[in-house]
Protein backbone atom coordinates (compact mmCIF):
# COMPACT_ATOMS: atom_id res chain seq x y z
CA UNK A 1 35.34 18.98 7.09
CA UNK A 2 34.43 18.63 3.68
CA UNK A 3 33.33 21.91 3.18
CA UNK A 4 31.38 23.07 0.40
CA UNK A 5 30.12 26.52 0.02
CA UNK A 6 26.65 26.16 -1.27
CA UNK A 7 25.96 24.74 -3.73
CA UNK A 8 28.31 23.16 -2.26
CA UNK A 9 31.68 24.20 -3.43
CA UNK A 10 33.56 22.43 -0.81
CA UNK A 11 35.79 23.47 2.07
CA UNK A 12 36.65 20.50 2.83
CA UNK A 13 34.17 18.36 1.42
CA UNK A 14 31.80 16.05 2.61
CA UNK A 15 29.38 18.85 3.34
CA UNK A 16 31.17 15.81 4.41
CA UNK A 17 30.08 21.18 5.21
CA UNK A 18 29.44 20.81 9.80
CA UNK A 19 26.48 20.80 11.01
CA UNK A 20 24.99 18.73 13.47
CA UNK A 21 27.42 17.92 16.13
CA UNK A 22 26.22 17.64 19.66
CA UNK A 23 28.24 19.68 22.07
CA UNK A 24 29.45 16.58 23.86
CA UNK A 25 30.33 14.65 20.72
CA UNK A 26 32.18 17.55 19.19
CA UNK A 27 34.05 18.19 22.40
CA UNK A 28 35.35 14.62 22.27
CA UNK A 29 36.52 15.05 18.71
CA UNK A 30 38.18 18.37 19.41
CA UNK A 31 39.85 17.06 22.51
CA UNK A 32 41.44 14.33 20.44
CA UNK A 33 42.36 16.74 17.66
CA UNK A 34 43.55 19.67 19.69
CA UNK A 35 45.47 17.75 22.31
CA UNK A 36 46.96 15.03 20.14
CA UNK A 37 45.62 12.25 22.30
CA UNK A 38 46.66 8.77 21.22
CA UNK A 39 43.78 6.61 20.13
CA UNK A 40 43.77 2.85 19.96
CA UNK A 41 40.20 1.83 19.27
CA UNK A 42 39.23 -1.65 18.32
CA UNK A 43 39.07 -2.55 14.65
CA UNK A 44 35.86 -1.42 13.05
CA UNK A 45 33.37 -3.68 11.51
CA UNK A 46 29.71 -3.47 10.73
CA UNK A 47 27.12 -6.06 11.53
CA UNK A 48 23.62 -6.15 10.18
CA UNK A 49 21.22 -4.08 12.24
CA UNK A 50 18.37 -6.07 13.69
CA UNK A 51 15.73 -3.99 11.98
CA UNK A 52 17.28 -3.96 8.51
CA UNK A 53 17.04 -6.71 5.93
CA UNK A 54 19.81 -7.26 3.42
CA UNK A 55 19.10 -6.61 -0.24
CA UNK A 56 17.01 -4.17 -2.18
CA UNK A 57 17.58 -1.26 -4.53
CA UNK A 58 17.38 2.21 -3.06
CA UNK A 59 16.34 5.15 -5.25
CA UNK A 60 17.65 8.38 -3.75
CA UNK A 61 17.07 11.94 -4.94
CA UNK A 62 19.86 14.53 -4.74
CA UNK A 63 19.58 18.28 -5.23
CA UNK A 64 21.70 18.24 -8.38
CA UNK A 65 24.25 16.44 -10.51
CA UNK A 66 27.84 15.91 -9.33
CA UNK A 67 30.67 17.69 -11.08
CA UNK A 68 33.13 14.79 -10.90
CA UNK A 69 33.55 11.68 -8.72
CA UNK A 70 37.24 12.13 -7.99
CA UNK A 71 37.44 13.04 -4.27
CA UNK A 72 40.58 15.09 -4.87
CA UNK A 73 38.96 17.42 -7.40
CA UNK A 74 35.20 17.39 -6.82
CA UNK A 75 33.88 20.69 -5.52
CA UNK A 76 30.13 20.06 -5.40
CA UNK A 77 28.42 18.46 -2.41
CA UNK A 78 26.36 16.11 -4.55
CA UNK A 79 29.65 14.67 -5.81
CA UNK A 80 30.68 13.89 -2.25
CA UNK A 81 27.28 12.37 -1.50
CA UNK A 82 27.90 9.82 -4.24
CA UNK A 83 31.62 9.12 -4.00
CA UNK A 84 31.72 8.79 -0.22
CA UNK A 85 29.98 5.42 -0.71
CA UNK A 86 32.67 4.29 -3.14
CA UNK A 87 35.75 5.22 -1.09
CA UNK A 88 37.00 4.67 2.45
CA UNK A 89 39.16 6.90 4.65
CA UNK A 90 41.73 6.17 7.33
CA UNK A 91 39.39 7.33 10.10
CA UNK A 92 35.86 8.67 10.35
CA UNK A 93 33.63 10.52 12.80
CA UNK A 94 30.70 8.71 14.35
CA UNK A 95 27.32 10.22 15.17
CA UNK A 96 28.71 11.60 18.45
CA UNK A 97 31.69 13.29 16.83
CA UNK A 98 34.19 10.67 18.06
CA UNK A 99 37.03 9.49 15.81
CA UNK A 100 36.48 5.87 14.80
CA UNK A 101 38.46 3.45 12.58
CA UNK A 102 37.91 3.00 8.89
CA UNK A 103 40.94 1.78 6.92
CA UNK A 104 43.07 2.41 10.00
CA UNK A 105 42.53 0.13 12.99
CA UNK A 106 44.46 2.36 15.41
CA UNK A 107 46.66 5.45 15.43
CA UNK A 108 48.97 7.29 17.77
CA UNK A 109 50.89 10.52 17.94
CA UNK A 110 54.55 9.59 18.42
CA UNK A 111 55.58 13.20 18.99
CA UNK A 112 54.34 16.68 18.09
CA UNK A 113 54.93 16.14 14.37
CA UNK A 114 54.67 12.37 13.84
CA UNK A 115 51.55 10.24 13.49
CA UNK A 116 51.57 6.45 12.95
CA UNK A 117 48.52 4.55 11.63
CA UNK A 118 48.02 0.79 11.66
CA UNK A 119 45.94 -0.35 8.70
CA UNK A 120 43.49 -3.14 7.96
CA UNK A 121 44.91 -6.07 5.97
CA UNK A 122 41.64 -7.26 4.40
CA UNK A 123 40.59 -4.33 2.17
CA UNK A 124 40.59 -4.57 -1.63
CA UNK A 125 40.02 -1.90 -4.24
CA UNK A 126 37.17 -2.48 -6.63
CA UNK A 127 39.70 -3.10 -9.46
CA UNK A 128 41.12 -6.09 -7.55
CA UNK A 129 44.19 -4.29 -6.17
CA UNK A 130 44.91 -5.08 -2.51
CA UNK A 131 44.89 -2.01 -0.28
CA UNK A 132 48.16 -1.16 1.48
CA UNK A 133 50.09 1.73 2.99
CA UNK A 134 51.41 2.56 -0.49
CA UNK A 135 47.89 3.67 -1.42
CA UNK A 136 47.75 6.04 1.55
CA UNK A 137 51.10 7.53 0.62
CA UNK A 138 50.02 7.92 -3.02
CA UNK A 139 46.66 9.49 -2.06
CA UNK A 140 48.11 12.35 -0.05
CA UNK A 141 51.10 12.95 -2.29
CA UNK A 142 48.62 13.24 -5.17
CA UNK A 143 46.49 15.67 -3.18
CA UNK A 144 49.53 17.83 -2.49
CA UNK A 145 50.79 17.72 -6.06
CA UNK A 146 50.01 21.10 -7.71
CA UNK A 147 49.24 19.25 -10.94
CA UNK A 148 46.19 17.69 -9.24
CA UNK A 149 44.79 21.15 -8.51
CA UNK A 150 42.94 19.87 -5.45
CA UNK A 151 40.97 22.36 -3.39
CA UNK A 152 41.87 20.24 -0.36
CA UNK A 153 45.64 20.52 -0.66
CA UNK A 154 45.59 23.28 1.95
CA UNK A 155 44.19 20.86 4.52
CA UNK A 156 47.39 18.82 4.26
CA UNK A 157 50.01 21.45 3.54
CA UNK A 158 51.62 20.65 6.91
CA UNK A 159 52.62 17.18 5.70
CA UNK A 160 56.39 17.08 5.18
CA UNK A 161 56.64 13.45 4.12
CA UNK A 162 54.90 10.07 4.35
CA UNK A 163 56.58 6.73 5.02
CA UNK A 164 55.10 3.30 4.31
CA UNK A 165 57.42 1.01 6.32
CA UNK A 166 55.12 -2.02 6.03
CA UNK A 167 51.96 -2.76 4.03
CA UNK A 168 49.87 -2.24 7.16
CA UNK A 169 51.52 0.84 8.66
CA UNK A 170 51.93 4.40 7.46
CA UNK A 171 53.72 7.30 9.13
CA UNK A 172 52.95 10.97 8.56
CA UNK A 173 55.73 13.46 9.28
CA UNK A 174 54.41 16.99 9.70
CA UNK A 175 56.32 20.23 9.26
CA UNK A 176 54.99 21.43 12.60
CA UNK A 177 52.38 20.53 15.17
CA UNK A 178 48.97 20.71 13.50
CA UNK A 179 45.84 20.68 15.64
CA UNK A 180 43.24 19.88 12.92
CA UNK A 181 45.14 16.91 11.45
CA UNK A 182 42.80 14.11 12.58
CA UNK A 183 39.71 16.17 11.82
CA UNK A 184 40.92 16.74 8.27
CA UNK A 185 41.66 13.05 7.76
CA UNK A 186 38.15 12.20 8.92
CA UNK A 187 36.46 14.61 6.56
CA UNK A 188 38.57 14.88 3.40
CA UNK A 189 40.75 11.84 3.17
CA UNK A 190 39.30 9.31 0.72
CA UNK A 191 41.98 6.78 -0.21
CA UNK A 192 42.57 6.11 -3.91
CA UNK A 193 44.60 3.56 -5.87
CA UNK A 194 47.40 4.60 -8.23
CA UNK A 195 46.64 1.95 -10.85
CA UNK A 196 42.96 2.93 -10.89
CA UNK A 197 43.75 6.64 -11.19
CA UNK A 198 46.25 6.17 -14.02
CA UNK A 199 44.38 3.53 -16.00
CA UNK A 200 41.00 5.29 -16.33
CA UNK A 201 39.36 8.67 -15.85
CA UNK A 202 39.02 9.13 -12.07
CA UNK A 203 36.47 11.90 -12.60
CA UNK A 204 34.04 9.56 -14.34
CA UNK A 205 35.05 6.09 -13.15
CA UNK A 206 35.87 6.11 -9.42
CA UNK A 207 37.52 3.08 -7.80
CA UNK A 208 37.79 2.74 -4.03
CA UNK A 209 37.57 0.26 -1.17
CA UNK A 210 34.14 1.42 0.00
CA UNK A 211 30.83 -0.39 0.39
CA UNK A 212 29.61 0.34 -3.15
CA UNK A 213 31.04 0.11 -6.66
CA UNK A 214 30.44 2.53 -9.50
CA UNK A 215 28.19 1.17 -12.28
CA UNK A 216 27.11 3.99 -14.57
CA UNK A 217 26.57 7.73 -14.93
CA UNK A 218 23.74 8.78 -17.23
CA UNK A 219 24.32 12.49 -17.75
CA UNK A 220 21.47 14.65 -16.55
CA UNK A 221 19.55 11.77 -15.02
CA UNK A 222 21.24 9.42 -12.55
CA UNK A 223 24.28 7.59 -11.19
CA UNK A 224 24.04 3.93 -10.17
CA UNK A 225 26.19 2.10 -7.62
CA UNK A 226 26.10 -1.58 -6.71
CA UNK A 227 27.08 -3.51 -3.59
CA UNK A 228 30.79 -4.21 -3.23
CA UNK A 229 30.95 -7.97 -2.45
CA UNK A 230 34.54 -7.59 -1.23
CA UNK A 231 33.89 -4.78 1.27
CA UNK A 232 36.17 -5.24 4.26
CA UNK A 233 33.52 -4.53 6.92
CA UNK A 234 31.53 -7.63 7.63
CA UNK A 235 27.77 -7.41 7.17
CA UNK A 236 27.81 -4.18 5.18
CA UNK A 237 26.37 -2.76 3.05
CA UNK A 238 22.77 -3.87 3.36
CA UNK A 239 21.57 -2.66 -0.03
CA UNK A 240 22.21 -4.36 -3.38
CA UNK A 241 22.31 -1.05 -5.23
CA UNK A 242 21.66 2.69 -5.08
CA UNK A 243 20.41 4.89 -7.89
CA UNK A 244 21.02 8.60 -7.29
CA UNK A 245 18.50 10.66 -9.24
CA UNK A 246 19.26 14.33 -9.97
CA UNK A 247 16.19 16.37 -8.99
CA UNK A 248 17.23 20.00 -8.40
CA UNK A 249 13.69 21.36 -7.99
CA UNK A 250 12.54 20.98 -4.37
CA UNK A 251 8.97 20.01 -5.19
CA UNK A 252 10.13 17.44 -7.74
CA UNK A 253 11.80 15.44 -4.96
CA UNK A 254 8.68 15.51 -2.80
CA UNK A 255 6.46 14.60 -5.74
CA UNK A 256 8.75 11.71 -6.72
CA UNK A 257 8.67 10.38 -3.16
CA UNK A 258 4.90 10.68 -2.98
CA UNK A 259 4.41 8.86 -6.29
CA UNK A 260 6.77 6.01 -5.36
CA UNK A 261 9.41 6.97 -7.93
CA UNK A 262 12.07 7.33 -5.22
CA UNK A 263 12.61 6.08 -1.66
CA UNK A 264 14.81 8.79 -0.09
CA UNK A 265 15.25 12.55 -0.64
CA UNK A 266 17.69 15.23 0.46
CA UNK A 267 16.88 18.87 1.29
CA UNK A 268 13.24 18.97 2.29
CA UNK A 269 11.69 22.43 1.67
CA UNK A 270 11.39 24.13 5.06
CA UNK A 271 7.83 25.27 4.44
CA UNK A 272 6.78 21.63 4.04
CA UNK A 273 8.57 20.20 7.06
CA UNK A 274 5.62 20.60 9.52
CA UNK A 275 3.24 18.79 7.18
CA UNK A 276 5.62 16.07 6.00
CA UNK A 277 6.72 15.35 9.55
CA UNK A 278 3.15 14.26 10.33
CA UNK A 279 2.61 12.32 7.09
CA UNK A 280 2.34 8.60 8.03
CA UNK A 281 3.89 7.58 4.70
CA UNK A 282 7.26 9.13 5.49
CA UNK A 283 10.05 9.43 8.02
CA UNK A 284 11.69 12.83 8.46
CA UNK A 285 15.25 12.93 9.81
CA UNK A 286 16.63 16.26 10.95
CA UNK A 287 19.81 17.58 12.52
CA UNK A 288 19.95 17.79 16.30
CA UNK A 289 22.05 20.99 16.30
CA UNK A 290 22.24 23.86 13.84
CA UNK A 291 25.71 24.29 12.48
CA UNK A 292 26.03 25.12 8.79
CA UNK A 293 27.06 28.77 8.61
CA UNK A 294 25.35 30.81 5.92
CA UNK A 295 27.01 34.11 5.11
CA UNK A 296 27.00 37.12 2.83
CA UNK A 297 30.13 37.17 0.68
CA UNK A 298 31.44 40.59 -0.38
CA UNK A 299 33.94 40.88 -3.21
CA UNK A 300 36.71 42.90 -1.57
CA UNK A 301 38.72 43.22 -4.79
CA UNK A 302 36.24 45.57 -6.49
CA UNK A 303 34.47 48.81 -5.63
CA UNK A 304 32.48 49.47 -3.57
CA UNK A 305 33.38 46.53 -1.35
CA UNK A 306 37.11 47.18 -1.50
CA UNK A 307 36.30 49.81 1.13
CA UNK A 308 36.04 48.21 4.60
CA UNK A 309 33.70 50.98 5.78
CA UNK A 310 31.09 49.93 3.21
CA UNK A 311 31.43 46.31 4.29
CA UNK A 312 31.13 47.31 7.94
CA UNK A 313 28.02 49.33 7.15
CA UNK A 314 26.38 46.27 5.64
CA UNK A 315 27.37 44.16 8.66
CA UNK A 316 25.64 46.70 10.92
CA UNK A 317 22.57 47.05 8.70
CA UNK A 318 21.43 43.45 8.45
CA UNK A 319 18.78 41.96 10.72
CA UNK A 320 19.63 38.31 11.40
CA UNK A 321 16.31 37.69 13.13
CA UNK A 322 14.44 38.79 10.02
CA UNK A 323 16.61 36.51 7.88
CA UNK A 324 15.84 33.54 10.12
CA UNK A 325 12.13 34.28 10.31
CA UNK A 326 11.58 35.05 6.62
CA UNK A 327 14.13 32.92 4.78
CA UNK A 328 14.23 29.94 7.15
CA UNK A 329 10.71 30.08 8.61
CA UNK A 330 12.07 30.53 12.12
CA UNK A 331 14.31 27.45 12.03
CA UNK A 332 18.03 27.29 12.81
CA UNK A 333 20.11 29.80 14.73
CA UNK A 334 21.19 33.40 14.26
CA UNK A 335 24.62 33.35 12.63
CA UNK A 336 27.53 35.11 14.29
CA UNK A 337 30.53 32.90 13.61
CA UNK A 338 31.72 29.79 11.80
CA UNK A 339 30.60 27.28 14.46
CA UNK A 340 27.22 26.68 16.14
CA UNK A 341 26.33 27.47 19.73
CA UNK A 342 26.75 23.79 20.61
CA UNK A 343 30.42 23.83 19.66
CA UNK A 344 33.09 24.23 22.36
CA UNK A 345 34.76 26.73 20.00
CA UNK A 346 31.74 29.06 20.13
CA UNK A 347 32.35 32.32 22.00
CA UNK A 348 30.20 35.06 20.41
CA UNK A 349 32.35 37.79 21.89
CA UNK A 350 34.11 40.59 20.04
CA UNK A 351 31.97 40.06 16.92
CA UNK A 352 31.65 43.25 14.88
CA UNK A 353 28.07 43.90 13.82
CA UNK A 354 26.59 41.36 16.22
CA UNK A 355 23.63 43.72 16.67
CA UNK A 356 21.92 45.87 14.07
CA UNK A 357 22.88 49.55 14.25
CA UNK A 358 21.40 51.57 11.39
CA UNK A 359 22.66 54.94 12.67
CA UNK A 360 26.26 53.75 12.83
CA UNK A 361 25.91 52.08 9.43
CA UNK A 362 24.73 55.36 7.88
CA UNK A 363 27.67 57.19 9.43
CA UNK A 364 30.11 54.70 7.89
CA UNK A 365 28.47 55.13 4.49
CA UNK A 366 28.94 58.88 4.78
CA UNK A 367 32.60 58.44 5.75
CA UNK A 368 33.11 56.16 2.76
CA UNK A 369 31.82 58.88 0.43
CA UNK A 370 28.41 57.36 -0.28
CA UNK A 371 26.19 59.84 1.51
CA UNK A 372 23.96 59.95 -1.57
CA UNK A 373 23.82 56.16 -1.75
CA UNK A 374 25.04 53.52 -4.22
CA UNK A 375 23.79 50.65 -6.34
CA UNK A 376 25.00 47.04 -6.08
CA UNK A 377 23.97 43.67 -7.52
CA UNK A 378 23.25 40.56 -5.46
CA UNK A 379 23.86 37.24 -7.22
CA UNK A 380 21.08 34.90 -6.15
CA UNK A 381 20.46 31.20 -6.58
CA UNK A 382 17.14 30.18 -8.07
CA UNK A 383 17.46 26.59 -6.80
CA UNK A 384 18.13 27.69 -3.20
CA UNK A 385 15.08 29.66 -2.08
CA UNK A 386 16.42 30.25 1.44
CA UNK A 387 19.48 32.03 0.09
CA UNK A 388 17.39 33.93 -2.44
CA UNK A 389 15.01 35.04 0.31
CA UNK A 390 18.03 36.06 2.39
CA UNK A 391 18.96 38.39 -0.44
CA UNK A 392 15.46 39.86 -0.45
CA UNK A 393 15.61 40.56 3.30
CA UNK A 394 19.06 42.10 2.97
CA UNK A 395 17.86 44.24 0.04
CA UNK A 396 15.13 45.72 2.23
CA UNK A 397 17.52 46.36 5.12
CA UNK A 398 20.15 48.03 2.94
CA UNK A 399 17.62 50.53 1.62
CA UNK A 400 17.70 52.04 5.11
CA UNK A 401 21.35 53.04 4.65
CA UNK A 402 21.11 54.22 1.07
CA UNK A 403 22.12 51.05 -0.77
CA UNK A 404 19.96 50.08 -3.73
CA UNK A 405 20.60 46.35 -4.18
CA UNK A 406 19.15 44.62 -7.21
CA UNK A 407 18.88 40.83 -7.27
CA UNK A 408 20.02 38.73 -10.23
CA UNK A 409 18.85 35.11 -9.86
CA UNK A 410 20.89 32.57 -11.82
CA UNK A 411 21.35 28.81 -12.18
CA UNK A 412 23.70 26.97 -9.83
CA UNK A 413 26.38 26.43 -12.46
CA UNK A 414 26.36 30.11 -13.45
CA UNK A 415 26.49 31.15 -9.80
CA UNK A 416 29.36 28.81 -9.00
CA UNK A 417 31.46 29.99 -11.94
CA UNK A 418 30.94 33.63 -10.95
CA UNK A 419 31.48 32.99 -7.24
CA UNK A 420 34.65 30.94 -7.66
CA UNK A 421 36.17 33.39 -10.15
CA UNK A 422 35.32 36.53 -8.17
CA UNK A 423 32.92 37.80 -10.84
CA UNK A 424 30.26 39.14 -8.46
CA UNK A 425 29.63 41.97 -6.01
CA UNK A 426 27.63 40.40 -3.20
CA UNK A 427 26.03 36.98 -2.80
CA UNK A 428 25.04 34.37 -0.21
CA UNK A 429 26.93 31.14 0.35
CA UNK A 430 27.60 28.66 3.08
CA UNK A 431 30.49 26.60 4.30
CA UNK A 432 29.67 23.18 5.54
CA UNK A 433 30.98 21.14 8.38
CA UNK A 434 33.05 23.52 10.37
CA UNK A 435 34.10 20.92 12.91
CA UNK A 436 37.43 22.59 13.66
CA UNK A 437 37.66 26.38 13.07
CA UNK A 438 40.76 25.86 10.96
CA UNK A 439 38.55 24.14 8.41
CA UNK A 440 36.90 27.49 7.83
CA UNK A 441 39.70 30.00 8.29
CA UNK A 442 42.50 28.26 6.39
CA UNK A 443 40.29 27.65 3.38
CA UNK A 444 37.85 30.56 3.25
CA UNK A 445 39.57 33.46 5.00
CA UNK A 446 43.32 33.03 4.61
CA UNK A 447 44.82 34.89 1.63
CA UNK A 448 45.18 32.47 -1.25
CA UNK A 449 42.95 29.88 0.42
CA UNK A 450 41.23 27.56 -2.08
CA UNK A 451 37.79 28.88 -1.16
CA UNK A 452 38.73 32.49 -0.46
CA UNK A 453 36.26 33.82 -3.01
CA UNK A 454 36.03 37.28 -1.42
CA UNK A 455 39.65 38.13 -2.22
CA UNK A 456 40.19 39.06 1.44
CA UNK A 457 43.78 39.49 2.56
CA UNK A 458 45.07 40.52 5.98
CA UNK A 459 48.62 39.42 6.89
CA UNK A 460 47.85 39.75 10.60
CA UNK A 461 44.89 37.39 10.31
CA UNK A 462 46.91 34.97 8.16
CA UNK A 463 49.63 34.83 10.82
CA UNK A 464 47.06 34.12 13.55
CA UNK A 465 45.45 31.37 11.45
CA UNK A 466 48.84 29.69 11.00
CA UNK A 467 49.63 30.06 14.70
CA UNK A 468 46.30 28.50 15.74
CA UNK A 469 46.69 25.58 13.34
CA UNK A 470 50.22 24.87 14.58
CA UNK A 471 49.18 24.68 18.22
CA UNK A 472 48.21 21.49 20.03
CA UNK A 473 46.99 23.43 23.06
CA UNK A 474 43.20 23.74 22.98
CA UNK A 475 43.08 26.76 25.30
CA UNK A 476 45.67 28.60 23.23
CA UNK A 477 43.79 27.82 20.04
CA UNK A 478 40.51 29.07 21.54
CA UNK A 479 42.15 32.39 22.41
CA UNK A 480 43.69 32.72 18.95
CA UNK A 481 40.38 32.02 17.20
CA UNK A 482 38.70 34.71 19.28
CA UNK A 483 41.30 37.18 18.00
CA UNK A 484 40.84 35.96 14.43
CA UNK A 485 37.05 36.31 14.62
CA UNK A 486 37.27 39.80 16.06
CA UNK A 487 39.59 41.05 13.31
CA UNK A 488 37.89 39.17 10.49
CA UNK A 489 34.38 40.33 11.41
CA UNK A 490 35.68 43.88 11.75
CA UNK A 491 37.18 43.69 8.26
CA UNK A 492 33.88 42.09 7.14
CA UNK A 493 34.83 40.31 3.89
CA UNK A 494 31.90 38.08 4.75
CA UNK A 495 29.07 38.44 7.22
CA UNK A 496 27.59 35.43 9.00
CA UNK A 497 23.80 35.49 8.82
CA UNK A 498 22.33 32.14 9.87
CA UNK A 499 22.99 28.54 10.90
CA UNK A 500 21.01 26.01 8.91
CA UNK A 501 19.52 22.69 9.90
CA UNK A 502 19.19 19.82 7.43
CA UNK A 503 16.35 17.43 6.70
CA UNK A 504 16.09 14.07 4.91
CA UNK A 505 12.76 12.52 3.96
CA UNK A 506 12.18 8.84 3.18
CA UNK A 507 9.54 6.17 2.88
CA UNK A 508 8.63 4.44 6.14
CA UNK A 509 10.34 1.22 5.08
CA UNK A 510 13.74 2.94 4.69
CA UNK A 511 15.73 2.70 7.92
CA UNK A 512 19.22 3.54 9.15
CA UNK A 513 19.46 7.03 7.66
CA UNK A 514 20.88 9.72 9.94
CA UNK A 515 22.49 13.13 9.59
CA UNK A 516 26.11 12.74 10.63
CA UNK A 517 28.75 15.22 11.85
CA UNK A 518 30.54 15.01 8.51
CA UNK A 519 27.28 15.11 6.53
CA UNK A 520 28.20 11.75 5.04
CA UNK A 521 25.08 9.89 3.95
CA UNK A 522 26.49 6.60 5.32
CA UNK A 523 24.55 4.60 2.74
CA UNK A 524 26.30 1.41 3.86
CA UNK A 525 24.14 1.44 6.99
CA UNK A 526 20.86 2.21 5.25
CA UNK A 527 18.43 -0.48 4.14
CA UNK A 528 14.83 -1.56 4.05
CA UNK A 529 12.99 -2.70 7.15
CA UNK A 530 12.36 -6.38 7.71
C-alpha cells in the first residue's frame, strides 16, 4: 500500500493509500499474500487497446506539487502519481486485486522465509543501464539503509538478506514468515538503479525502467514526462508525453478542463459530481468500493489527549452519519476500521465508540477531571474541504460534552509539517490503500512507526501487530487483527470517521483511465480515442 495520510503523507505510498478493491479481487490478493501461494503467471506485456490510438500529449491536473520524485523518500501522494509512471516494480496489482507480473515474470515461496523471483531480461533504465537482479538488491538495501531515511523501510524490515545469483533471478531471505510481503512489493517497491541514484539528484531527476521518462520540473507549475521508447512492455505506453499541472484549488481543475487547458483531472469536488457526471463533454470515473479510511488523529503525547478517557469521550461523541452527510454529501461509508466493508478483513466487531453515546462521553469527561469543560484546537486543511467540514461537524458534536474546539485552517505544507512533527492537538487525516491491515498498523499504530503521528504506544498492541505480520495463516491473522482493533479503538489514539470514494474527470476523448487497487494512475494504459 502506498499509503499516504492526506495530503498524502504516505503509508506506503501509492495512495499507491486502498481504496477501491472489490471484495472478490481483494480476497484473491489476500489469499496469495496470507497463505504464501506460489504464483507462476505468464510474462506480462501490454498491447494497444483497440479503442486507443498511439500518440498525443496528455495534460493532467493534480491536486498539488510533489515533494520529491525519489520513490524511497517521497511522502506526498502527488509525488507517487508522477513517479509511478517513471519506475517499475517487481509485481503489481491488477484492477481485480490480483498479483500480476511487472519486472518479475514469476515468483514462488520456497519455504516460510524464502521467496525467489524470476526477472525480465529485456528492461533498460532510462540512463541506458540494463536492468538486472543487482538493481533489485540495491533498491531494497537502499530502502533499509537508515541513511536513506525512507518512510517505507518498515514495510521491509523483515528482510534478512537478498541474493542475486543470476542477472534474472533474485532471492529474498526473510527473518520470519511475513504475510504482507507480496502486498508490500506491489505497492511500495519501485526499482531504482545505483548509477542513476549516485550520479544525479534522485529527488529531482528520477531514472527508472517505466513507460515514461522524466523531462523537466518547473517549480510551482508543472512536471513533464515523455514516452520511454525502450519500455519493456510491447505496445505501451500510448501517449507521447504527459504534462502534470499543479492545480490545488478544486474549482481551478474543473475550470481548466472546461476551457480546454487540460484533458484529465484528479479529485473532483463531491458537490459537483452529480452535474459533471451528466455533462456530455466529460467522462467521470469513480471507485467501485469505498475504502480510504479518514480518521481523527489525537496527539497522545500532550494534554489533554494524553488521557485515554478524553480520547474515549471524543470517540463516543462523534456522529459518523453526520460527517458522511455533511462533509461528503452522503457518499462513501461510515468509518469504523482501517478496511472497507468489501474487504475480507472487515469485521466491525469489538469497535469502541461504534455508536454515539453522549451520556457515557460526558461521564468519561467528568472522570478525567474536565467536568467544567476544556478548549482544544483542530488543525484543518483549507485545500481539503471534506476534512475541514469534518472538523466543523466534530466541533458541533463536542460542544455537547463540554469541549470547545476552535478550528485553525492552514495550507497543506504547514499542516504536514505540524502533523508529521506532532505539533498539533487534533486534526483529520487519512491513510490510503489499506490492502493488508499490516499496511496500516505497522506504519500508523505501532510505536515508532514511520507514520505514527499520534505518538501512540501500547506494547501489547505492538506485540500483536508483530505476531499478525509474522503469520502466514489467514484465519490466525484475522483473529489477531480483531484483537488489535478492539484494543486500539479502546485506546483511541485515532478515531475512524469515514471511508472515501475517489473520482477522476476527463475529456470524452481520453480513454483507459481507471481507479486501481493501488491508486496508481496507470498512465501507460491511457490515451486518446481513435
